């Protein structure tokens, strides 16, 4: 199964960055974000052991909630 297999329920920070064409650092900043001025909107994530996982549905909703260009 590849890392962008649509059947996976969650993705890693690295895969989320690849899917959204953002950097891993931007994804990590969004996970830590409180939504204050100048910050990216908060991206929900879960910690499973030492791994951070992002549900695909949360990632899609996060991108959909971004302002239009």
PDB file of N, CA and C in Angstrom:
ATOM      1  N   UNK A   1       0.844  -1.174   0.000  1.00  0.00           N
ATOM      2  CA  UNK A   1       0.000   0.000   0.000  1.00  0.00           C
ATOM      3  C   UNK A   1       0.888   1.235   0.000  1.00  0.00           C
ATOM      4  N   UNK A   2       0.649   2.153  -0.909  1.00  0.00           N
ATOM      5  CA  UNK A   2       1.470   3.355  -0.980  1.00  0.00           C
ATOM      6  C   UNK A   2       1.053   4.360   0.088  1.00  0.00           C
ATOM      7  N   UNK A   3       1.894   5.390   0.301  1.00  0.00           N
ATOM      8  CA  UNK A   3       1.593   6.374   1.339  1.00  0.00           C
ATOM      9  C   UNK A   3       0.417   7.262   0.980  1.00  0.00           C
ATOM     10  N   UNK A   4       0.040   7.374  -0.319  1.00  0.00           N
ATOM     11  CA  UNK A   4      -1.145   8.162  -0.625  1.00  0.00           C
ATOM     12  C   UNK A   4      -2.334   7.291  -1.006  1.00  0.00           C
ATOM     13  N   UNK A   5      -2.403   6.093  -0.468  1.00  0.00           N
ATOM     14  CA  UNK A   5      -3.519   5.201  -0.713  1.00  0.00           C
ATOM     15  C   UNK A   5      -4.781   5.801  -0.097  1.00  0.00           C
ATOM     16  N   UNK A   6      -5.835   6.023  -0.899  1.00  0.00           N
ATOM     17  CA  UNK A   6      -7.042   6.656  -0.369  1.00  0.00           C
ATOM     18  C   UNK A   6      -7.766   5.821   0.677  1.00  0.00           C
ATOM     19  N   UNK A   7      -7.413   4.556   0.821  1.00  0.00           N
ATOM     20  CA  UNK A   7      -8.064   3.712   1.808  1.00  0.00           C
ATOM     21  C   UNK A   7      -7.525   3.935   3.221  1.00  0.00           C
ATOM     22  N   UNK A   8      -6.370   4.549   3.351  1.00  0.00           N
ATOM     23  CA  UNK A   8      -5.818   4.804   4.686  1.00  0.00           C
ATOM     24  C   UNK A   8      -6.660   5.879   5.368  1.00  0.00           C
ATOM     25  N   UNK A   9      -6.994   5.642   6.633  1.00  0.00           N
ATOM     26  CA  UNK A   9      -7.838   6.565   7.374  1.00  0.00           C
ATOM     27  C   UNK A   9      -7.061   7.783   7.880  1.00  0.00           C
ATOM     28  N   UNK A  10      -5.756   7.601   8.114  1.00  0.00           N
ATOM     29  CA  UNK A  10      -4.937   8.703   8.601  1.00  0.00           C
ATOM     30  C   UNK A  10      -3.603   8.725   7.867  1.00  0.00           C
ATOM     31  N   UNK A  11      -2.949   9.869   7.952  1.00  0.00           N
ATOM     32  CA  UNK A  11      -1.667  10.050   7.269  1.00  0.00           C
ATOM     33  C   UNK A  11      -0.653  10.652   8.230  1.00  0.00           C
ATOM     34  N   UNK A  12       0.611  10.513   7.891  1.00  0.00           N
ATOM     35  CA  UNK A  12       1.691  11.115   8.671  1.00  0.00           C
ATOM     36  C   UNK A  12       1.842  12.580   8.282  1.00  0.00           C
ATOM     37  N   UNK A  13       2.644  13.299   9.042  1.00  0.00           N
ATOM     38  CA  UNK A  13       2.945  14.694   8.713  1.00  0.00           C
ATOM     39  C   UNK A  13       3.588  14.762   7.331  1.00  0.00           C
ATOM     40  N   UNK A  14       4.498  13.846   7.053  1.00  0.00           N
ATOM     41  CA  UNK A  14       5.189  13.827   5.763  1.00  0.00           C
ATOM     42  C   UNK A  14       4.205  13.632   4.610  1.00  0.00           C
ATOM     43  N   UNK A  15       3.278  12.704   4.771  1.00  0.00           N
ATOM     44  CA  UNK A  15       2.299  12.452   3.718  1.00  0.00           C
ATOM     45  C   UNK A  15       1.329  13.620   3.586  1.00  0.00           C
ATOM     46  N   UNK A  16       0.921  14.217   4.709  1.00  0.00           N
ATOM     47  CA  UNK A  16       0.037  15.388   4.658  1.00  0.00           C
ATOM     48  C   UNK A  16       0.710  16.525   3.892  1.00  0.00           C
ATOM     49  N   UNK A  17       2.006  16.696   4.110  1.00  0.00           N
ATOM     50  CA  UNK A  17       2.752  17.735   3.390  1.00  0.00           C
ATOM     51  C   UNK A  17       2.773  17.431   1.892  1.00  0.00           C
ATOM     52  N   UNK A  18       2.969  16.181   1.565  1.00  0.00           N
ATOM     53  CA  UNK A  18       2.999  15.782   0.154  1.00  0.00           C
ATOM     54  C   UNK A  18       1.636  16.006  -0.506  1.00  0.00           C
ATOM     55  N   UNK A  19       0.574  15.608   0.171  1.00  0.00           N
ATOM     56  CA  UNK A  19      -0.778  15.741  -0.370  1.00  0.00           C
ATOM     57  C   UNK A  19      -1.132  17.208  -0.592  1.00  0.00           C
ATOM     58  N   UNK A  20      -0.803  18.069   0.365  1.00  0.00           N
ATOM     59  CA  UNK A  20      -1.187  19.482   0.295  1.00  0.00           C
ATOM     60  C   UNK A  20      -0.169  20.356  -0.430  1.00  0.00           C
ATOM     61  N   UNK A  21       0.984  19.781  -0.751  1.00  0.00           N
ATOM     62  CA  UNK A  21       2.092  20.515  -1.373  1.00  0.00           C
ATOM     63  C   UNK A  21       2.580  21.664  -0.485  1.00  0.00           C
ATOM     64  N   UNK A  22       2.515  21.434   0.835  1.00  0.00           N
ATOM     65  CA  UNK A  22       3.087  22.339   1.821  1.00  0.00           C
ATOM     66  C   UNK A  22       4.302  21.649   2.423  1.00  0.00           C
ATOM     67  N   UNK A  23       5.083  22.391   3.185  1.00  0.00           N
ATOM     68  CA  UNK A  23       6.244  21.772   3.825  1.00  0.00           C
ATOM     69  C   UNK A  23       5.813  21.036   5.098  1.00  0.00           C
ATOM     70  N   UNK A  24       6.634  20.101   5.525  1.00  0.00           N
ATOM     71  CA  UNK A  24       6.369  19.402   6.791  1.00  0.00           C
ATOM     72  C   UNK A  24       6.337  20.405   7.943  1.00  0.00           C
ATOM     73  N   UNK A  25       7.192  21.420   7.885  1.00  0.00           N
ATOM     74  CA  UNK A  25       7.224  22.445   8.926  1.00  0.00           C
ATOM     75  C   UNK A  25       5.894  23.202   8.986  1.00  0.00           C
ATOM     76  N   UNK A  26       5.314  23.527   7.839  1.00  0.00           N
ATOM     77  CA  UNK A  26       4.026  24.228   7.822  1.00  0.00           C
ATOM     78  C   UNK A  26       2.926  23.350   8.419  1.00  0.00           C
ATOM     79  N   UNK A  27       2.950  22.072   8.122  1.00  0.00           N
ATOM     80  CA  UNK A  27       1.958  21.150   8.688  1.00  0.00           C
ATOM     81  C   UNK A  27       2.133  21.073  10.203  1.00  0.00           C
ATOM     82  N   UNK A  28       3.370  20.956  10.670  1.00  0.00           N
ATOM     83  CA  UNK A  28       3.618  20.897  12.124  1.00  0.00           C
ATOM     84  C   UNK A  28       3.181  22.195  12.811  1.00  0.00           C
ATOM     85  N   UNK A  29       3.447  23.347  12.160  1.00  0.00           N
ATOM     86  CA  UNK A  29       3.011  24.631  12.739  1.00  0.00           C
ATOM     87  C   UNK A  29       1.494  24.712  12.823  1.00  0.00           C
ATOM     88  N   UNK A  30       0.796  24.190  11.821  1.00  0.00           N
ATOM     89  CA  UNK A  30      -0.669  24.194  11.836  1.00  0.00           C
ATOM     90  C   UNK A  30      -1.197  23.294  12.955  1.00  0.00           C
ATOM     91  N   UNK A  31      -0.530  22.180  13.203  1.00  0.00           N
ATOM     92  CA  UNK A  31      -0.940  21.283  14.286  1.00  0.00           C
ATOM     93  C   UNK A  31      -0.797  21.989  15.632  1.00  0.00           C
ATOM     94  N   UNK A  32       0.266  22.771  15.805  1.00  0.00           N
ATOM     95  CA  UNK A  32       0.500  23.493  17.070  1.00  0.00           C
ATOM     96  C   UNK A  32      -0.280  24.805  17.163  1.00  0.00           C
ATOM     97  N   UNK A  33      -0.855  25.253  16.073  1.00  0.00           N
ATOM     98  CA  UNK A  33      -1.495  26.561  15.994  1.00  0.00           C
ATOM     99  C   UNK A  33      -2.695  26.683  16.923  1.00  0.00           C
ATOM    100  N   UNK A  34      -2.884  27.899  17.454  1.00  0.00           N
ATOM    101  CA  UNK A  34      -4.069  28.219  18.244  1.00  0.00           C
ATOM    102  C   UNK A  34      -5.038  29.061  17.417  1.00  0.00           C
ATOM    103  N   UNK A  35      -4.656  29.376  16.183  1.00  0.00           N
ATOM    104  CA  UNK A  35      -5.526  30.145  15.296  1.00  0.00           C
ATOM    105  C   UNK A  35      -5.432  31.640  15.492  1.00  0.00           C
ATOM    106  N   UNK A  36      -4.394  32.097  16.170  1.00  0.00           N
ATOM    107  CA  UNK A  36      -4.215  33.523  16.396  1.00  0.00           C
ATOM    108  C   UNK A  36      -3.836  34.261  15.111  1.00  0.00           C
ATOM    109  N   UNK A  37      -3.785  35.566  15.209  1.00  0.00           N
ATOM    110  CA  UNK A  37      -3.440  36.405  14.059  1.00  0.00           C
ATOM    111  C   UNK A  37      -2.078  36.012  13.505  1.00  0.00           C
ATOM    112  N   UNK A  38      -1.993  35.856  12.209  1.00  0.00           N
ATOM    113  CA  UNK A  38      -0.739  35.523  11.561  1.00  0.00           C
ATOM    114  C   UNK A  38      -0.383  34.049  11.581  1.00  0.00           C
ATOM    115  N   UNK A  39      -1.229  33.225  12.197  1.00  0.00           N
ATOM    116  CA  UNK A  39      -0.971  31.786  12.246  1.00  0.00           C
ATOM    117  C   UNK A  39      -1.851  31.066  11.234  1.00  0.00           C
ATOM    118  N   UNK A  40      -1.413  29.879  10.849  1.00  0.00           N
ATOM    119  CA  UNK A  40      -2.262  29.012  10.046  1.00  0.00           C
ATOM    120  C   UNK A  40      -3.433  28.563  10.908  1.00  0.00           C
ATOM    121  N   UNK A  41      -4.581  28.250  10.298  1.00  0.00           N
ATOM    122  CA  UNK A  41      -5.671  27.690  11.099  1.00  0.00           C
ATOM    123  C   UNK A  41      -5.225  26.379  11.747  1.00  0.00           C
ATOM    124  N   UNK A  42      -5.752  26.062  12.921  1.00  0.00           N
ATOM    125  CA  UNK A  42      -5.363  24.825  13.597  1.00  0.00           C
ATOM    126  C   UNK A  42      -5.725  23.585  12.777  1.00  0.00           C
ATOM    127  N   UNK A  43      -4.819  22.632  12.724  1.00  0.00           N
ATOM    128  CA  UNK A  43      -5.042  21.357  12.038  1.00  0.00           C
ATOM    129  C   UNK A  43      -5.138  20.271  13.098  1.00  0.00           C
ATOM    130  N   UNK A  44      -6.306  19.640  13.245  1.00  0.00           N
ATOM    131  CA  UNK A  44      -6.435  18.570  14.244  1.00  0.00           C
ATOM    132  C   UNK A  44      -5.519  17.390  13.917  1.00  0.00           C
ATOM    133  N   UNK A  45      -4.900  16.846  14.938  1.00  0.00           N
ATOM    134  CA  UNK A  45      -4.023  15.690  14.770  1.00  0.00           C
ATOM    135  C   UNK A  45      -4.106  14.832  16.026  1.00  0.00           C
ATOM    136  N   UNK A  46      -3.702  13.599  15.892  1.00  0.00           N
ATOM    137  CA  UNK A  46      -3.699  12.671  17.016  1.00  0.00           C
ATOM    138  C   UNK A  46      -2.308  12.094  17.188  1.00  0.00           C
ATOM    139  N   UNK A  47      -1.948  11.874  18.439  1.00  0.00           N
ATOM    140  CA  UNK A  47      -0.675  11.227  18.723  1.00  0.00           C
ATOM    141  C   UNK A  47      -0.972   9.766  19.044  1.00  0.00           C
ATOM    142  N   UNK A  48      -0.334   8.897  18.279  1.00  0.00           N
ATOM    143  CA  UNK A  48      -0.469   7.458  18.507  1.00  0.00           C
ATOM    144  C   UNK A  48       0.935   6.961  18.828  1.00  0.00           C
ATOM    145  N   UNK A  49       1.163   6.730  20.109  1.00  0.00           N
ATOM    146  CA  UNK A  49       2.522   6.416  20.553  1.00  0.00           C
ATOM    147  C   UNK A  49       3.394   7.645  20.326  1.00  0.00           C
ATOM    148  N   UNK A  50       4.468   7.480  19.569  1.00  0.00           N
ATOM    149  CA  UNK A  50       5.355   8.604  19.267  1.00  0.00           C
ATOM    150  C   UNK A  50       5.024   9.241  17.924  1.00  0.00           C
ATOM    151  N   UNK A  51       4.019   8.712  17.239  1.00  0.00           N
ATOM    152  CA  UNK A  51       3.691   9.184  15.901  1.00  0.00           C
ATOM    153  C   UNK A  51       2.535  10.177  15.918  1.00  0.00           C
ATOM    154  N   UNK A  52       2.617  11.175  15.071  1.00  0.00           N
ATOM    155  CA  UNK A  52       1.527  12.116  14.876  1.00  0.00           C
ATOM    156  C   UNK A  52       0.790  11.689  13.617  1.00  0.00           C
ATOM    157  N   UNK A  53      -0.517  11.529  13.733  1.00  0.00           N
ATOM    158  CA  UNK A  53      -1.346  11.126  12.599  1.00  0.00           C
ATOM    159  C   UNK A  53      -2.455  12.151  12.396  1.00  0.00           C
ATOM    160  N   UNK A  54      -2.796  12.378  11.146  1.00  0.00           N
ATOM    161  CA  UNK A  54      -3.841  13.323  10.774  1.00  0.00           C
ATOM    162  C   UNK A  54      -4.900  12.540  10.012  1.00  0.00           C
ATOM    163  N   UNK A  55      -6.141  12.633  10.465  1.00  0.00           N
ATOM    164  CA  UNK A  55      -7.214  11.955   9.748  1.00  0.00           C
ATOM    165  C   UNK A  55      -7.398  12.627   8.390  1.00  0.00           C
ATOM    166  N   UNK A  56      -7.576  11.819   7.361  1.00  0.00           N
ATOM    167  CA  UNK A  56      -7.757  12.361   6.007  1.00  0.00           C
ATOM    168  C   UNK A  56      -8.924  13.342   5.956  1.00  0.00           C
ATOM    169  N   UNK A  57     -10.025  13.016   6.644  1.00  0.00           N
ATOM    170  CA  UNK A  57     -11.186  13.912   6.615  1.00  0.00           C
ATOM    171  C   UNK A  57     -10.857  15.251   7.273  1.00  0.00           C
ATOM    172  N   UNK A  58     -10.035  15.257   8.328  1.00  0.00           N
ATOM    173  CA  UNK A  58      -9.610  16.509   8.962  1.00  0.00           C
ATOM    174  C   UNK A  58      -8.724  17.315   8.028  1.00  0.00           C
ATOM    175  N   UNK A  59      -7.835  16.636   7.305  1.00  0.00           N
ATOM    176  CA  UNK A  59      -6.941  17.320   6.366  1.00  0.00           C
ATOM    177  C   UNK A  59      -7.750  17.955   5.237  1.00  0.00           C
ATOM    178  N   UNK A  60      -8.711  17.223   4.697  1.00  0.00           N
ATOM    179  CA  UNK A  60      -9.562  17.759   3.627  1.00  0.00           C
ATOM    180  C   UNK A  60     -10.351  18.973   4.113  1.00  0.00           C
ATOM    181  N   UNK A  61     -10.926  18.884   5.313  1.00  0.00           N
ATOM    182  CA  UNK A  61     -11.701  19.995   5.876  1.00  0.00           C
ATOM    183  C   UNK A  61     -10.808  21.209   6.125  1.00  0.00           C
ATOM    184  N   UNK A  62      -9.584  20.957   6.584  1.00  0.00           N
ATOM    185  CA  UNK A  62      -8.635  22.044   6.858  1.00  0.00           C
ATOM    186  C   UNK A  62      -8.306  22.801   5.575  1.00  0.00           C
ATOM    187  N   UNK A  63      -8.012  22.067   4.524  1.00  0.00           N
ATOM    188  CA  UNK A  63      -7.692  22.696   3.232  1.00  0.00           C
ATOM    189  C   UNK A  63      -8.924  23.420   2.693  1.00  0.00           C
ATOM    190  N   UNK A  64     -10.097  22.806   2.794  1.00  0.00           N
ATOM    191  CA  UNK A  64     -11.329  23.423   2.293  1.00  0.00           C
ATOM    192  C   UNK A  64     -11.660  24.718   3.044  1.00  0.00           C
ATOM    193  N   UNK A  65     -11.219  24.805   4.303  1.00  0.00           N
ATOM    194  CA  UNK A  65     -11.488  25.998   5.106  1.00  0.00           C
ATOM    195  C   UNK A  65     -10.526  27.149   4.869  1.00  0.00           C
ATOM    196  N   UNK A  66      -9.520  26.937   4.042  1.00  0.00           N
ATOM    197  CA  UNK A  66      -8.564  28.009   3.732  1.00  0.00           C
ATOM    198  C   UNK A  66      -9.231  29.071   2.863  1.00  0.00           C
ATOM    199  N   UNK A  67      -8.818  30.331   3.002  1.00  0.00           N
ATOM    200  CA  UNK A  67      -9.399  31.384   2.168  1.00  0.00           C
ATOM    201  C   UNK A  67      -9.095  31.142   0.683  1.00  0.00           C
ATOM    202  N   UNK A  68     -10.028  31.525  -0.153  1.00  0.00           N
ATOM    203  CA  UNK A  68      -9.815  31.392  -1.591  1.00  0.00           C
ATOM    204  C   UNK A  68      -8.818  32.430  -2.062  1.00  0.00           C
ATOM    205  N   UNK A  69      -8.075  32.074  -3.107  1.00  0.00           N
ATOM    206  CA  UNK A  69      -7.064  32.990  -3.654  1.00  0.00           C
ATOM    207  C   UNK A  69      -7.691  33.955  -4.632  1.00  0.00           C
TER     208      UNK A  69
END
